[in-house]
Amino acid sequence: MSATLTTDLGQARADLADHGYCLLEGILPPERVAAVRQRLVELAAAEVAQGTDYVYENGANQRIWTLLNKGDCFIELALDPTVSELMSHLLGYDHLLSNIDANVAGPGGNPMFLHADQSFMPEPWPPYPLVANAMWMLDDFTPENGATRVVPGSHLEAKQPPFTVSDDLTTAVCGPAGTAMVFEGRLWHQTGRNTTAGERRHGILAYYCRPFMRQQENWFLSLDPGVLGRATPELRRLLGYDHYLSLGMIDGMPRTGPRY
């Protein structure tokens, strides 16, 4: 059994519990898909031209990092209210934004190895996720163009996948452009192989974590000061600029509120 497209948050929560992921249908309208995709295409080309690109071994797959510095359209994705509600469900309302980047799968690109995103935690893992992802599909995701592949229900294994997992156990997560896939950190998954002749598959990944964990991106050093200066209180909280209980203090705890 696999998750199916839904607009119902109750069904999305059930799919996360049963399968480790859910598919939110139409979370981005066509005009937003087009605008975000166009900006991403421009960024990918510019970074290649400047020699600052992060391209995998055979030159087909490309990552574009630190998207908060590269367009307000990406900040809007990180603050998406539906995704925020599901992240609060999975990780608690004080969850943090660990990273937001893009994955462009080009023709001939190799599939990523099967993995789970909380691999840095020693096993056995607790019976709940420590991290989770939201992935916005900016193209139709198909088995042919490198759609993410998952092992549904593998989050219940509470460990990293063995190297011997058969490809027959994975399924391609397909959906039309504008779909968001939310998946928790124990789910076994990988970028699929793009076997098309000339189609590049674009997706945005926002990675969230529990509030006591170190974030993947060091926002305090990498965030553009201009972005921080106009950040909303919610974005600042997501980036770790608020304290959580006794973590993240500046010259001690605030004098108001609970004392630890």
C-alpha atoms as a PDB file:
ATOM      1  CA  MET A   1       0.000   0.000   0.000  1.00  0.00           C
ATOM      2  CA  SER A   2       1.165   3.536  -0.784  1.00  0.00           C
ATOM      3  CA  ALA A   3      -0.010   7.054   0.011  1.00  0.00           C
ATOM      4  CA  THR A   4      -2.300   8.708  -2.518  1.00  0.00           C
ATOM      5  CA  LEU A   5      -2.983  12.337  -3.372  1.00  0.00           C
ATOM      6  CA  THR A   6      -5.172  14.087  -0.831  1.00  0.00           C
ATOM      7  CA  THR A   7      -6.332  17.533   0.240  1.00  0.00           C
ATOM      8  CA  ASP A   8      -7.518  16.258   3.633  1.00  0.00           C
ATOM      9  CA  LEU A   9      -5.120  16.800   6.542  1.00  0.00           C
ATOM     10  CA  GLY A  10      -6.651  13.943   8.483  1.00  0.00           C
ATOM     11  CA  GLN A  11      -5.848  11.572   5.634  1.00  0.00           C
ATOM     12  CA  ALA A  12      -2.371  13.094   5.360  1.00  0.00           C
ATOM     13  CA  ARG A  13      -1.698  12.357   9.035  1.00  0.00           C
ATOM     14  CA  ALA A  14      -2.976   8.808   8.600  1.00  0.00           C
ATOM     15  CA  ASP A  15      -0.721   8.293   5.573  1.00  0.00           C
ATOM     16  CA  LEU A  16       2.267   9.581   7.532  1.00  0.00           C
ATOM     17  CA  ALA A  17       1.529   7.099  10.303  1.00  0.00           C
ATOM     18  CA  ASP A  18       0.933   4.148   7.969  1.00  0.00           C
ATOM     19  CA  HIS A  19       3.355   4.782   5.108  1.00  0.00           C
ATOM     20  CA  GLY A  20       5.844   7.346   6.428  1.00  0.00           C
ATOM     21  CA  TYR A  21       4.827   9.955   3.845  1.00  0.00           C
ATOM     22  CA  CYS A  22       1.820  11.779   2.429  1.00  0.00           C
ATOM     23  CA  LEU A  23       1.008  13.606  -0.805  1.00  0.00           C
ATOM     24  CA  LEU A  24      -0.702  17.012  -0.635  1.00  0.00           C
ATOM     25  CA  GLU A  25      -2.529  17.649  -3.875  1.00  0.00           C
ATOM     26  CA  GLY A  26      -2.501  21.116  -5.443  1.00  0.00           C
ATOM     27  CA  ILE A  27      -0.694  22.832  -2.595  1.00  0.00           C
ATOM     28  CA  LEU A  28       0.890  25.186  -5.151  1.00  0.00           C
ATOM     29  CA  PRO A  29      -1.349  26.698  -7.852  1.00  0.00           C
ATOM     30  CA  PRO A  30       0.001  26.662 -11.429  1.00  0.00           C
ATOM     31  CA  GLU A  31       1.100  30.306 -11.396  1.00  0.00           C
ATOM     32  CA  ARG A  32       3.235  29.775  -8.278  1.00  0.00           C
ATOM     33  CA  VAL A  33       4.703  26.572  -9.705  1.00  0.00           C
ATOM     34  CA  ALA A  34       5.705  28.461 -12.848  1.00  0.00           C
ATOM     35  CA  ALA A  35       7.265  31.357 -10.917  1.00  0.00           C
ATOM     36  CA  VAL A  36       9.249  29.181  -8.502  1.00  0.00           C
ATOM     37  CA  ARG A  37      10.396  26.856 -11.268  1.00  0.00           C
ATOM     38  CA  GLN A  38      11.548  29.755 -13.446  1.00  0.00           C
ATOM     39  CA  ARG A  39      13.572  31.216 -10.583  1.00  0.00           C
ATOM     40  CA  LEU A  40      15.125  27.816  -9.907  1.00  0.00           C
ATOM     41  CA  VAL A  41      16.049  27.294 -13.566  1.00  0.00           C
ATOM     42  CA  GLU A  42      17.738  30.715 -13.575  1.00  0.00           C
ATOM     43  CA  LEU A  43      19.681  29.918 -10.408  1.00  0.00           C
ATOM     44  CA  ALA A  44      20.828  26.525 -11.667  1.00  0.00           C
ATOM     45  CA  ALA A  45      22.110  28.010 -14.923  1.00  0.00           C
ATOM     46  CA  ALA A  46      23.803  30.952 -13.184  1.00  0.00           C
ATOM     47  CA  GLU A  47      25.654  28.740 -10.718  1.00  0.00           C
ATOM     48  CA  VAL A  48      26.930  26.532 -13.541  1.00  0.00           C
ATOM     49  CA  ALA A  49      28.089  29.607 -15.469  1.00  0.00           C
ATOM     50  CA  GLN A  50      29.839  31.034 -12.391  1.00  0.00           C
ATOM     51  CA  GLY A  51      31.506  27.746 -11.486  1.00  0.00           C
ATOM     52  CA  THR A  52      29.772  27.695  -8.094  1.00  0.00           C
ATOM     53  CA  ASP A  53      27.449  24.800  -8.907  1.00  0.00           C
ATOM     54  CA  TYR A  54      27.094  21.643  -6.831  1.00  0.00           C
ATOM     55  CA  VAL A  55      26.773  18.929  -9.462  1.00  0.00           C
ATOM     56  CA  TYR A  56      27.033  15.197  -8.833  1.00  0.00           C
ATOM     57  CA  GLU A  57      29.662  12.934 -10.354  1.00  0.00           C
ATOM     58  CA  ASN A  58      28.329  12.453 -13.878  1.00  0.00           C
ATOM     59  CA  GLY A  59      27.112  16.035 -14.225  1.00  0.00           C
ATOM     60  CA  ALA A  60      23.415  15.202 -14.489  1.00  0.00           C
ATOM     61  CA  ASN A  61      22.031  15.976 -11.023  1.00  0.00           C
ATOM     62  CA  GLN A  62      22.436  19.382  -9.377  1.00  0.00           C
ATOM     63  CA  ARG A  63      21.739  20.857  -5.942  1.00  0.00           C
ATOM     64  CA  ILE A  64      21.066  24.530  -5.298  1.00  0.00           C
ATOM     65  CA  TRP A  65      21.682  25.368  -1.647  1.00  0.00           C
ATOM     66  CA  THR A  66      20.639  28.099   0.822  1.00  0.00           C
ATOM     67  CA  LEU A  67      17.530  29.102  -1.085  1.00  0.00           C
ATOM     68  CA  LEU A  68      16.399  31.593   1.557  1.00  0.00           C
ATOM     69  CA  ASN A  69      19.102  33.918   0.206  1.00  0.00           C
ATOM     70  CA  LYS A  70      17.994  33.468  -3.403  1.00  0.00           C
ATOM     71  CA  GLY A  71      14.367  34.523  -3.634  1.00  0.00           C
ATOM     72  CA  ASP A  72      11.332  35.422  -1.539  1.00  0.00           C
ATOM     73  CA  CYS A  73       9.396  32.661  -3.296  1.00  0.00           C
ATOM     74  CA  PHE A  74      11.499  30.128  -1.370  1.00  0.00           C
ATOM     75  CA  ILE A  75      10.894  31.879   1.953  1.00  0.00           C
ATOM     76  CA  GLU A  76       7.162  31.589   1.266  1.00  0.00           C
ATOM     77  CA  LEU A  77       7.560  27.835   0.784  1.00  0.00           C
ATOM     78  CA  ALA A  78       9.425  27.440   4.076  1.00  0.00           C
ATOM     79  CA  LEU A  79       6.523  29.204   5.825  1.00  0.00           C
ATOM     80  CA  ASP A  80       3.725  27.278   4.078  1.00  0.00           C
ATOM     81  CA  PRO A  81       0.922  26.929   6.668  1.00  0.00           C
ATOM     82  CA  THR A  82      -0.181  23.433   5.626  1.00  0.00           C
ATOM     83  CA  VAL A  83       3.362  22.109   5.757  1.00  0.00           C
ATOM     84  CA  SER A  84       3.882  23.903   9.078  1.00  0.00           C
ATOM     85  CA  GLU A  85       0.841  22.163  10.533  1.00  0.00           C
ATOM     86  CA  LEU A  86       2.136  18.744   9.490  1.00  0.00           C
ATOM     87  CA  MET A  87       5.626  19.506  10.790  1.00  0.00           C
ATOM     88  CA  SER A  88       4.113  20.494  14.131  1.00  0.00           C
ATOM     89  CA  HIS A  89       2.263  17.178  14.087  1.00  0.00           C
ATOM     90  CA  LEU A  90       5.469  15.231  13.386  1.00  0.00           C
ATOM     91  CA  LEU A  91       8.093  17.225  15.299  1.00  0.00           C
ATOM     92  CA  GLY A  92       6.267  19.523  17.725  1.00  0.00           C
ATOM     93  CA  TYR A  93       5.259  23.144  17.296  1.00  0.00           C
ATOM     94  CA  ASP A  94       8.792  24.379  18.128  1.00  0.00           C
ATOM     95  CA  HIS A  95      10.344  22.603  15.119  1.00  0.00           C
ATOM     96  CA  LEU A  96      13.173  24.342  13.265  1.00  0.00           C
ATOM     97  CA  LEU A  97      14.027  24.754   9.598  1.00  0.00           C
ATOM     98  CA  SER A  98      17.220  22.750   9.141  1.00  0.00           C
ATOM     99  CA  ASN A  99      17.751  23.538   5.448  1.00  0.00           C
ATOM    100  CA  ILE A 100      15.937  24.397   2.233  1.00  0.00           C
ATOM    101  CA  ASP A 101      17.503  23.520  -1.109  1.00  0.00           C
ATOM    102  CA  ALA A 102      16.636  22.263  -4.583  1.00  0.00           C
ATOM    103  CA  ASN A 103      17.297  18.947  -6.277  1.00  0.00           C
ATOM    104  CA  VAL A 104      17.374  18.932 -10.082  1.00  0.00           C
ATOM    105  CA  ALA A 105      17.506  15.438 -11.588  1.00  0.00           C
ATOM    106  CA  GLY A 106      18.836  15.475 -15.141  1.00  0.00           C
ATOM    107  CA  PRO A 107      18.773  12.797 -17.842  1.00  0.00           C
ATOM    108  CA  GLY A 108      21.226   9.995 -17.148  1.00  0.00           C
ATOM    109  CA  GLY A 109      21.592  10.875 -13.488  1.00  0.00           C
ATOM    110  CA  ASN A 110      22.371   8.032 -11.137  1.00  0.00           C
ATOM    111  CA  PRO A 111      19.872   7.222  -8.390  1.00  0.00           C
ATOM    112  CA  MET A 112      20.879   8.216  -4.883  1.00  0.00           C
ATOM    113  CA  PHE A 113      21.599   5.405  -2.449  1.00  0.00           C
ATOM    114  CA  LEU A 114      18.663   4.294  -0.308  1.00  0.00           C
ATOM    115  CA  HIS A 115      18.798   6.073   3.032  1.00  0.00           C
ATOM    116  CA  ALA A 116      16.829   7.667   5.865  1.00  0.00           C
ATOM    117  CA  ASP A 117      17.363  11.289   6.857  1.00  0.00           C
ATOM    118  CA  GLN A 118      18.065  10.774  10.558  1.00  0.00           C
ATOM    119  CA  SER A 119      21.057   8.517   9.893  1.00  0.00           C
ATOM    120  CA  PHE A 120      23.206  10.529  12.323  1.00  0.00           C
ATOM    121  CA  MET A 121      21.197   9.092  15.235  1.00  0.00           C
ATOM    122  CA  PRO A 122      22.402   5.825  16.803  1.00  0.00           C
ATOM    123  CA  GLU A 123      20.083   2.847  16.517  1.00  0.00           C
ATOM    124  CA  PRO A 124      17.588   1.764  17.628  1.00  0.00           C
ATOM    125  CA  TRP A 125      15.644   4.880  16.776  1.00  0.00           C
ATOM    126  CA  PRO A 126      12.742   6.041  18.942  1.00  0.00           C
ATOM    127  CA  PRO A 127       9.186   5.323  17.770  1.00  0.00           C
ATOM    128  CA  TYR A 128       8.791   8.841  16.371  1.00  0.00           C
ATOM    129  CA  PRO A 129      10.703  10.947  13.834  1.00  0.00           C
ATOM    130  CA  LEU A 130      13.413  13.420  14.776  1.00  0.00           C
ATOM    131  CA  VAL A 131      13.447  15.153  11.376  1.00  0.00           C
ATOM    132  CA  ALA A 132      11.071  15.458   8.428  1.00  0.00           C
ATOM    133  CA  ASN A 133      11.008  16.847   4.886  1.00  0.00           C
ATOM    134  CA  ALA A 134       8.604  18.673   2.627  1.00  0.00           C
ATOM    135  CA  MET A 135       9.254  18.372  -1.102  1.00  0.00           C
ATOM    136  CA  TRP A 136       7.428  20.557  -3.606  1.00  0.00           C
ATOM    137  CA  MET A 137       7.147  19.076  -7.094  1.00  0.00           C
ATOM    138  CA  LEU A 138       7.756  21.771  -9.715  1.00  0.00           C
ATOM    139  CA  ASP A 139       7.340  19.295 -12.578  1.00  0.00           C
ATOM    140  CA  ASP A 140       5.139  16.249 -12.903  1.00  0.00           C
ATOM    141  CA  PHE A 141       7.066  13.532 -11.035  1.00  0.00           C
ATOM    142  CA  THR A 142       7.119  10.261 -12.989  1.00  0.00           C
ATOM    143  CA  PRO A 143       9.047   6.982 -12.786  1.00  0.00           C
ATOM    144  CA  GLU A 144      10.883   8.025 -15.946  1.00  0.00           C
ATOM    145  CA  ASN A 145      12.126  11.482 -14.863  1.00  0.00           C
ATOM    146  CA  GLY A 146      13.606  10.518 -11.509  1.00  0.00           C
ATOM    147  CA  ALA A 147      10.689  10.701  -9.084  1.00  0.00           C
ATOM    148  CA  THR A 148      11.705  10.035  -5.488  1.00  0.00           C
ATOM    149  CA  ARG A 149      11.482   6.343  -4.651  1.00  0.00           C
ATOM    150  CA  VAL A 150      10.447   5.077  -1.209  1.00  0.00           C
ATOM    151  CA  VAL A 151       9.861   1.869   0.692  1.00  0.00           C
ATOM    152  CA  PRO A 152       6.371   2.496   2.118  1.00  0.00           C
ATOM    153  CA  GLY A 153       6.123   1.645   5.801  1.00  0.00           C
ATOM    154  CA  SER A 154       9.896   1.415   6.256  1.00  0.00           C
ATOM    155  CA  HIS A 155       9.771   4.148   8.910  1.00  0.00           C
ATOM    156  CA  LEU A 156       8.455   1.497  11.293  1.00  0.00           C
ATOM    157  CA  GLU A 157      11.759  -0.417  11.054  1.00  0.00           C
ATOM    158  CA  ALA A 158      13.398   2.324  13.156  1.00  0.00           C
ATOM    159  CA  LYS A 159      16.815   1.865  11.536  1.00  0.00           C
ATOM    160  CA  GLN A 160      18.825   2.600   8.415  1.00  0.00           C
ATOM    161  CA  PRO A 161      18.103   0.380   5.393  1.00  0.00           C
ATOM    162  CA  PRO A 162      20.502  -2.492   4.752  1.00  0.00           C
ATOM    163  CA  PHE A 163      22.592  -2.334   1.598  1.00  0.00           C
ATOM    164  CA  THR A 164      20.791  -5.393   0.263  1.00  0.00           C
ATOM    165  CA  VAL A 165      17.307  -3.876  -0.150  1.00  0.00           C
ATOM    166  CA  SER A 166      15.867  -4.995  -3.480  1.00  0.00           C
ATOM    167  CA  ASP A 167      14.755  -2.343  -5.973  1.00  0.00           C
ATOM    168  CA  ASP A 168      11.501  -4.283  -6.183  1.00  0.00           C
ATOM    169  CA  LEU A 169      10.608  -3.002  -2.706  1.00  0.00           C
ATOM    170  CA  THR A 170      10.749   0.661  -3.735  1.00  0.00           C
ATOM    171  CA  THR A 171       7.942   2.576  -5.369  1.00  0.00           C
ATOM    172  CA  ALA A 172       8.109   5.841  -7.315  1.00  0.00           C
ATOM    173  CA  VAL A 173       6.276   8.727  -5.637  1.00  0.00           C
ATOM    174  CA  CYS A 174       4.455  10.347  -8.540  1.00  0.00           C
ATOM    175  CA  GLY A 175       2.311  13.452  -8.665  1.00  0.00           C
ATOM    176  CA  PRO A 176       1.466  16.462 -10.812  1.00  0.00           C
ATOM    177  CA  ALA A 177       3.401  19.713 -10.526  1.00  0.00           C
ATOM    178  CA  GLY A 178       2.152  21.607  -7.474  1.00  0.00           C
ATOM    179  CA  THR A 179       2.055  18.523  -5.250  1.00  0.00           C
ATOM    180  CA  ALA A 180       3.945  18.502  -1.944  1.00  0.00           C
ATOM    181  CA  MET A 181       5.297  15.278  -0.497  1.00  0.00           C
ATOM    182  CA  VAL A 182       5.805  15.351   3.271  1.00  0.00           C
ATOM    183  CA  PHE A 183       7.858  12.498   4.673  1.00  0.00           C
ATOM    184  CA  GLU A 184       9.325  11.732   8.046  1.00  0.00           C
ATOM    185  CA  GLY A 185      12.972  11.127   8.862  1.00  0.00           C
ATOM    186  CA  ARG A 186      12.840   7.350   9.300  1.00  0.00           C
ATOM    187  CA  LEU A 187      11.451   6.647   5.813  1.00  0.00           C
ATOM    188  CA  TRP A 188      13.806   4.821   3.425  1.00  0.00           C
ATOM    189  CA  HIS A 189      14.000   6.802   0.185  1.00  0.00           C
ATOM    190  CA  GLN A 190      16.219   7.840  -2.717  1.00  0.00           C
ATOM    191  CA  THR A 191      16.294  10.098  -5.766  1.00  0.00           C
ATOM    192  CA  GLY A 192      15.202   8.013  -8.745  1.00  0.00           C
ATOM    193  CA  ARG A 193      17.053   7.542 -12.016  1.00  0.00           C
ATOM    194  CA  ASN A 194      16.084   9.949 -14.809  1.00  0.00           C
ATOM    195  CA  THR A 195      15.812   7.863 -17.975  1.00  0.00           C
ATOM    196  CA  THR A 196      14.242  10.543 -20.195  1.00  0.00           C
ATOM    197  CA  ALA A 197      15.971  11.919 -23.278  1.00  0.00           C
ATOM    198  CA  GLY A 198      16.035  15.560 -22.200  1.00  0.00           C
ATOM    199  CA  GLU A 199      13.700  16.264 -19.278  1.00  0.00           C
ATOM    200  CA  ARG A 200      15.058  17.865 -16.090  1.00  0.00           C
ATOM    201  CA  ARG A 201      13.003  17.217 -12.966  1.00  0.00           C
ATOM    202  CA  HIS A 202      12.887  20.076 -10.416  1.00  0.00           C
ATOM    203  CA  GLY A 203      11.983  19.803  -6.743  1.00  0.00           C
ATOM    204  CA  ILE A 204      12.378  21.967  -3.630  1.00  0.00           C
ATOM    205  CA  LEU A 205      13.226  20.263  -0.327  1.00  0.00           C
ATOM    206  CA  ALA A 206      12.655  21.871   3.072  1.00  0.00           C
ATOM    207  CA  TYR A 207      14.215  19.875   5.894  1.00  0.00           C
ATOM    208  CA  TYR A 208      12.920  20.392   9.449  1.00  0.00           C
ATOM    209  CA  CYS A 209      14.164  19.113  12.811  1.00  0.00           C
ATOM    210  CA  ARG A 210      13.234  19.045  16.474  1.00  0.00           C
ATOM    211  CA  PRO A 211      14.223  22.161  18.430  1.00  0.00           C
ATOM    212  CA  PHE A 212      17.066  20.603  20.433  1.00  0.00           C
ATOM    213  CA  MET A 213      18.966  19.468  17.315  1.00  0.00           C
ATOM    214  CA  ARG A 214      21.721  21.167  15.359  1.00  0.00           C
ATOM    215  CA  GLN A 215      20.453  22.427  11.997  1.00  0.00           C
ATOM    216  CA  GLN A 216      21.993  21.240   8.730  1.00  0.00           C
ATOM    217  CA  GLU A 217      22.541  24.809   7.529  1.00  0.00           C
ATOM    218  CA  ASN A 218      24.384  27.166   9.874  1.00  0.00           C
ATOM    219  CA  TRP A 219      21.924  29.999   9.415  1.00  0.00           C
ATOM    220  CA  PHE A 220      23.794  32.304  11.790  1.00  0.00           C
ATOM    221  CA  LEU A 221      26.711  32.397   9.336  1.00  0.00           C
ATOM    222  CA  SER A 222      25.111  31.727   5.951  1.00  0.00           C
ATOM    223  CA  LEU A 223      21.912  33.793   6.019  1.00  0.00           C
ATOM    224  CA  ASP A 224      22.070  37.070   4.108  1.00  0.00           C
ATOM    225  CA  PRO A 225      21.758  39.965   6.604  1.00  0.00           C
ATOM    226  CA  GLY A 226      19.119  41.555   4.397  1.00  0.00           C
ATOM    227  CA  VAL A 227      16.970  38.424   4.606  1.00  0.00           C
ATOM    228  CA  LEU A 228      17.342  38.344   8.376  1.00  0.00           C
ATOM    229  CA  GLY A 229      16.518  42.043   8.641  1.00  0.00           C
ATOM    230  CA  ARG A 230      13.113  41.629   7.005  1.00  0.00           C
ATOM    231  CA  ALA A 231      12.348  38.175   8.439  1.00  0.00           C
ATOM    232  CA  THR A 232       9.009  37.699  10.157  1.00  0.00           C
ATOM    233  CA  PRO A 233       8.987  36.538  13.788  1.00  0.00           C
ATOM    234  CA  GLU A 234       7.938  33.066  12.590  1.00  0.00           C
ATOM    235  CA  LEU A 235      10.840  32.831  10.142  1.00  0.00           C
ATOM    236  CA  ARG A 236      13.290  33.962  12.822  1.00  0.00           C
ATOM    237  CA  ARG A 237      11.920  31.298  15.152  1.00  0.00           C
ATOM    238  CA  LEU A 238      12.247  28.624  12.451  1.00  0.00           C
ATOM    239  CA  LEU A 239      15.874  29.617  11.881  1.00  0.00           C
ATOM    240  CA  GLY A 240      16.726  29.261  15.574  1.00  0.00           C
ATOM    241  CA  TYR A 241      16.828  32.910  16.623  1.00  0.00           C
ATOM    242  CA  ASP A 242      14.486  32.252  19.563  1.00  0.00           C
ATOM    243  CA  HIS A 243      15.428  30.269  22.620  1.00  0.00           C
ATOM    244  CA  TYR A 244      13.869  26.867  23.294  1.00  0.00           C
ATOM    245  CA  LEU A 245      13.521  26.243  27.023  1.00  0.00           C
ATOM    246  CA  SER A 246      17.127  26.742  28.229  1.00  0.00           C
ATOM    247  CA  LEU A 247      18.698  26.266  24.773  1.00  0.00           C
ATOM    248  CA  GLY A 248      19.760  29.207  22.597  1.00  0.00           C
ATOM    249  CA  MET A 249      20.262  31.713  25.400  1.00  0.00           C
ATOM    250  CA  ILE A 250      21.891  35.113  24.893  1.00  0.00           C
ATOM    251  CA  ASP A 251      23.534  36.278  28.125  1.00  0.00           C
ATOM    252  CA  GLY A 252      21.288  33.992  30.112  1.00  0.00           C
ATOM    253  CA  MET A 253      17.563  33.372  30.094  1.00  0.00           C
ATOM    254  CA  PRO A 254      14.927  36.102  29.694  1.00  0.00           C
ATOM    255  CA  ARG A 255      13.881  37.560  33.037  1.00  0.00           C
ATOM    256  CA  THR A 256      10.212  37.025  32.174  1.00  0.00           C
ATOM    257  CA  GLY A 257       8.572  33.629  31.739  1.00  0.00           C
ATOM    258  CA  PRO A 258       9.507  30.217  33.175  1.00  0.00           C
ATOM    259  CA  ARG A 259      12.897  29.788  34.837  1.00  0.00           C
ATOM    260  CA  TYR A 260      14.989  26.656  34.283  1.00  0.00           C
END
